[in-house]
Each structure stands twice: as structure tokens, then as C-alpha cells.
Amino acid sequence: MAAITLKGVTKAYGDHAPVLRGIDLDIGKNEFCVFLGPSGCGKSTLLRIIAGLEDATSGDVQIGGRLVNEVPPAKRGVAMVFQSYALFPHMTVEQNMGFGLKLSGLPTHEIAQRVQTAAKTLQLDALLKRKPSALSGGQRQRVAIGRAIVREPGVFLFDEPLSNLDAMLRSQTRIEIARLHRQFAQASTVYVTHDQVEAMTLGDKIVLLRAGAEAERHGSIAQIGSPLDLYHRPNSRFVAEFIGSPKMNFIGAMVQSSNDEEVVVKLDRSDDLVRVDANGASLDVGQTVQLGIRPEHFDRVTDAGTHGADGVNPGMQTLCRKIALVERLGEHSYLHLDDLTGTTIVAKQLGDAAYRPGAHVKVQFNSSACHLFVADGSAVPKLH
């Protein structure tokens, strides 16, 4: 097992803008750390720098307390599983899994023992004599994982290993990877993906990297934390928008009043006032903000004409909007509501409820589920 420490890691190609900027990161022993972010944010490049397949332009990489900047990949104690299976087509499963050990000069009996143990763990023991052409995509990916397991590394590195699989195989293999991490708990794991479902279900820690419009911040770390930290307490609009599917709703607003406990904002182009927990934040009256509410945090949707005990809970907050579109997915439905700003608000509700486009409804939510973001995209901190 080995901890990983990155200090000031930057990567640039020639005179182009850096693809990674000042990455400082600690990955603990036995930890499952996920590098998450949009395409082009530098997550695979960062993984390859840890593996030794890329050199950092500046900064240090330590594995197990040892500086490895000048250490070749084969001597770093890491094993990498790539997006493509990269199996030798003329070799059997057994030969593919043991090939790296053979090159290392291990005795034949030890290679066979390690391969048999890994194959049993991955449920490949009945397939050892087959060649890759006789395997399914999921089986080939398990062979690639087994090839990494037999090396008994201190660090496992996964570079989008499920992206070539169909939806069902992705789900099955994701569960297998989680189970393997628990079984081989002595090793740290770094996993690259752009799929937030993989990140949320697999990771002990998520490192979310930036990309896109903010050129001066491209390739920097947006937030580090547990999956639920990033979901419940995003530190910026970028994080809040990236984590969650469908993404968080954002509504323009202006601060009407503010104290240490509560901020009251008036939504753009309406008379709606929304109260949000302030958590000690200092906001100015008249300040422009963005109100964020996740689709799943709309607790109840009722017909606009309902009143009293059968209507909206008076302890909750309410918006009245018109349904523009209903997406029915069986277990739940997504209601797309016309907002007065020309955008739509998405509310997640039970799938068997009778909603119809054109209907005017009341959507109910709790202030504790709301987020506020100021002009530079920073979040007003949430304590819960």
C-alpha cells in the first residue's frame, strides 16, 4: 500500500496554455480517489503523470513517501488499467494475465499461482484457456484488471476503464471494481472518469477538475471531498452544476434583506421571495445572486388551485409555475416548468403522478435545500 502526494504539479505542452495548474493533492493509503471532470480538463494527464507515462512540467510526485519524478513507470509500484483492453490477441487469458510477471522474471509456479488467484477473484477461472476473441467486452476488461492485480501493486490506476462497455456491463463491472477494492484493501486506487455515477458510487474522495470557459483556471482543482460533500456542499456554481443529474436549477435573484441567519432574495422578473439559510454569510442588499435548487429537492407539486391542508405545507416555500414538458421515466417523472426568465426549472416527482403540459402548479421546497452563488460563481457556504 502506498500514499500519493502531488505538490504543485503543472503540465504544459510547448508554448500552449497549461492543461494542469498547480495541483496539490494527498491520496491516502487504501483510499479510492476519483478524478472527475469534463472532457479536456486534464484528469487522464494527471493519472499518467502519477504512472510515469508523462513528465510533469513542474512540481513533485511522491508515492509511498518516495519522490518518483525520475523513477520509470515499471519501478513506481503502480499498475494501470487503460480505457482500451490492450490484450494480446494471440495469447490466452492466462498468458495475457501473466505476461508482465514473465517479463519480470518471476518463477513459472509463482506466476501460475498469482494468475489462478486473480482469475478466481474475477470469475475468470473457467476462461483461462480462451483467447480475447472468444470473450465478451466485460470479460476482456476483467482480464485487463486481472493483469494489474497479479502484479500486487501498491497503487491501482484506472483510466476510464468502463467507457467502452454498454450500460448493463458498465453497471456490472462498476460493482466488481468496488468489490475488488474492498478485497484488495491494502492498495490505493486512483480512478479517472467523466461519469459522475461512477464517481459517486465508487469514490471515497472525488477530485473535480475544471475545464472550459475559465481559461485561467482550466486544469485546476475545483473541489476535493467525499461524494456527498460535493453534492450537498458545492463550493462553486461549477461544482454544483457538474454534480447531479439532471443538473441543479439556477434562478437569477437579488438580495432583499440579509442577516447572519437568513437571506431573503427576490427572483428575477417575478414577485417571488425566497428565504435561504445564511450561515453567517455577509451579503449586501441589492446584490445579484443565483439561487440553486436541485430537481430532487422539490418536495411536492400540487395544482395551483389547491388550498389548505390538502395544498402546500405552510412551513415550506412555494413557486407557482406552468408545466411546459413532462418526461416520464417510470419510477419518476421530470417536470419542466416555465420560468419567468425564459429558462426552465426541472422538478423530479414520482412517476405515477398525473401531470400534464400547460397546467399551472405550485412547487414546494425547503430553504435548507437551497444554495446561493455570488457573481464570481462562489457559493455561500452551507453548514448542513
Foldseek 3Di string as FASTA:
>chain_A
DKKKWWAQFWADDPPDATLAGGDTDIFDFLFEEEEAEDPSLCSVVVLCCQQQVDATPDTFMDIRNHTCNPPHNVPNLEAECEQDLPFDQVAFLLCRLLVVVVVVPDDPVLSNVLLCVLCVLLVNNVRRGHGPVPDDLLVSLSSSVSSRVSSVGQEYEYENNCPVDDPVSSVVVLVSVQVVSVVSSRHYYYYYDHDVVSVQVRGQKYFYGDDDDVSVRRNYTQDMDHLVCLDQWRFFVVSQQSPDPVGKDKFKWFWQDDDQFWTWTATPPDRFIDIAGQPGDDDDGGFIKIKIAHQAQQPDKFAPPDDDPPAADPQWGKDKFFFADWAADQQWIWTWTQDPVRHTHIHIGGRPDDDDGGTIIMTTGHNLRMWMAGDVGGTSGHDD
